Amino acid sequence: MNEGETEVLSFELKNYIPSVYYITLRDDLDGTTSRFTIDRQVAKHINNMRQEIIDLRKERDELLYAVAKKFPGESRFDTALRYIRQAEESVSATQPKEAREK
């Protein structure tokens, strides 16, 4: 999560009985929980999506922590984004016009 963001909903996926899956959703703001029965395909899809999120967060974190020092007044994300944009601008400025149009 970026600075200032709050994770509002968390969930737990369990397989208590073969072929019966439950998902428990918890609202982190007020602490309420709801439990639902879901089918196997939905459970598999949720697990795949959760793994994708974990992988994307790892990649994001690797990129952000490659920034040794954040720029004053910026988050690490903002500094990384600025570095990338500056690098892209300098590369495109040195390329011939024909190469930039591709």
Protein backbone atom coordinates (compact mmCIF):
# COMPACT_ATOMS: atom_id res chain seq x y z
CA MET A 1 0.00 0.00 0.00
CA ASN A 2 1.08 3.55 -0.63
CA GLU A 3 1.45 6.08 2.16
CA GLY A 4 -1.91 7.20 3.47
CA GLU A 5 -3.81 4.18 2.13
CA THR A 6 -5.73 1.90 4.47
CA GLU A 7 -6.59 -1.71 3.77
CA VAL A 8 -10.29 -1.78 4.48
CA LEU A 9 -11.22 -5.36 3.75
CA SER A 10 -9.28 -8.51 4.51
CA PHE A 11 -10.34 -12.08 3.93
CA GLU A 12 -9.57 -15.64 4.89
CA LEU A 13 -10.20 -18.62 2.63
CA LYS A 14 -10.62 -22.04 4.27
CA ASN A 15 -11.46 -25.54 3.12
CA TYR A 16 -12.97 -27.19 6.21
CA ILE A 17 -14.86 -29.94 4.40
CA PRO A 18 -13.70 -31.41 1.05
CA SER A 19 -15.22 -29.46 -1.85
CA VAL A 20 -16.78 -26.83 0.48
CA TYR A 21 -14.91 -23.56 0.72
CA TYR A 22 -15.65 -20.65 3.00
CA ILE A 23 -14.54 -17.09 2.71
CA THR A 24 -14.60 -14.82 5.72
CA LEU A 25 -14.53 -11.11 5.02
CA ARG A 26 -13.54 -8.72 7.78
CA ASP A 27 -14.02 -4.98 7.65
CA ASP A 28 -10.86 -3.59 9.23
CA LEU A 29 -12.53 -0.29 10.02
CA ASP A 30 -15.42 -1.52 12.15
CA GLY A 31 -14.34 -5.14 12.82
CA THR A 32 -17.48 -6.78 11.42
CA THR A 33 -17.13 -10.14 9.72
CA SER A 34 -19.24 -12.05 7.21
CA ARG A 35 -18.81 -15.69 6.20
CA PHE A 36 -19.86 -17.09 2.83
CA THR A 37 -19.78 -20.53 1.22
CA ILE A 38 -18.23 -20.48 -2.23
CA ASP A 39 -17.62 -23.14 -4.84
CA ARG A 40 -14.26 -24.63 -5.73
CA GLN A 41 -13.76 -22.65 -8.95
CA VAL A 42 -14.39 -19.35 -7.18
CA ALA A 43 -11.99 -20.37 -4.40
CA LYS A 44 -9.34 -21.28 -6.98
CA HIS A 45 -9.85 -17.95 -8.76
CA ILE A 46 -9.55 -16.03 -5.46
CA ASN A 47 -6.31 -17.86 -4.62
CA ASN A 48 -4.90 -17.07 -8.06
CA MET A 49 -5.82 -13.40 -7.71
CA ARG A 50 -4.31 -13.27 -4.23
CA GLN A 51 -1.04 -14.71 -5.56
CA GLU A 52 -1.02 -12.15 -8.39
CA ILE A 53 -1.44 -9.37 -5.83
CA ILE A 54 1.41 -10.76 -3.73
CA ASP A 55 3.66 -10.97 -6.81
CA LEU A 56 2.77 -7.43 -7.92
CA ARG A 57 3.47 -6.06 -4.45
CA LYS A 58 6.88 -7.75 -4.45
CA GLU A 59 7.70 -6.19 -7.82
CA ARG A 60 6.46 -2.78 -6.67
CA ASP A 61 8.47 -3.00 -3.46
CA GLU A 62 11.61 -3.98 -5.38
CA LEU A 63 11.17 -0.95 -7.63
CA LEU A 64 10.46 1.43 -4.75
CA TYR A 65 13.35 0.25 -2.61
CA ALA A 66 15.74 0.65 -5.55
CA VAL A 67 15.35 4.36 -4.78
CA ALA A 68 18.10 4.83 -2.22
CA LYS A 69 16.92 8.26 -1.11
CA LYS A 70 13.56 9.79 -1.71
CA PHE A 71 13.41 13.38 -2.86
CA PRO A 72 12.47 15.84 -0.08
CA GLY A 73 8.71 16.28 0.10
CA GLU A 74 8.03 13.20 -2.04
CA SER A 75 7.11 9.64 -1.22
CA ARG A 76 9.44 6.89 -2.43
CA PHE A 77 6.82 6.13 -5.10
CA ASP A 78 6.79 9.73 -6.35
CA THR A 79 10.59 9.83 -6.51
CA ALA A 80 10.76 6.52 -8.40
CA LEU A 81 8.10 7.72 -10.85
CA ARG A 82 9.95 11.00 -11.40
CA TYR A 83 13.24 9.14 -12.05
CA ILE A 84 11.55 6.86 -14.59
CA ARG A 85 9.87 9.77 -16.38
CA GLN A 86 13.13 11.74 -16.49
CA ALA A 87 14.98 8.74 -17.92
CA GLU A 88 12.26 8.20 -20.56
CA GLU A 89 12.37 11.87 -21.54
CA SER A 90 16.15 11.90 -21.89
CA VAL A 91 16.12 8.72 -24.01
CA SER A 92 13.38 10.00 -26.30
CA ALA A 93 15.10 13.36 -26.66
CA THR A 94 18.25 11.68 -28.00
CA GLN A 95 16.45 9.42 -30.47
CA PRO A 96 15.71 10.47 -34.04
CA LYS A 97 12.14 11.59 -34.68
CA GLU A 98 11.38 8.44 -36.73
CA ALA A 99 12.35 6.17 -33.82
CA ARG A 100 10.11 8.10 -31.38
CA GLU A 101 7.06 7.73 -33.62
CA LYS A 102 7.16 3.91 -33.60
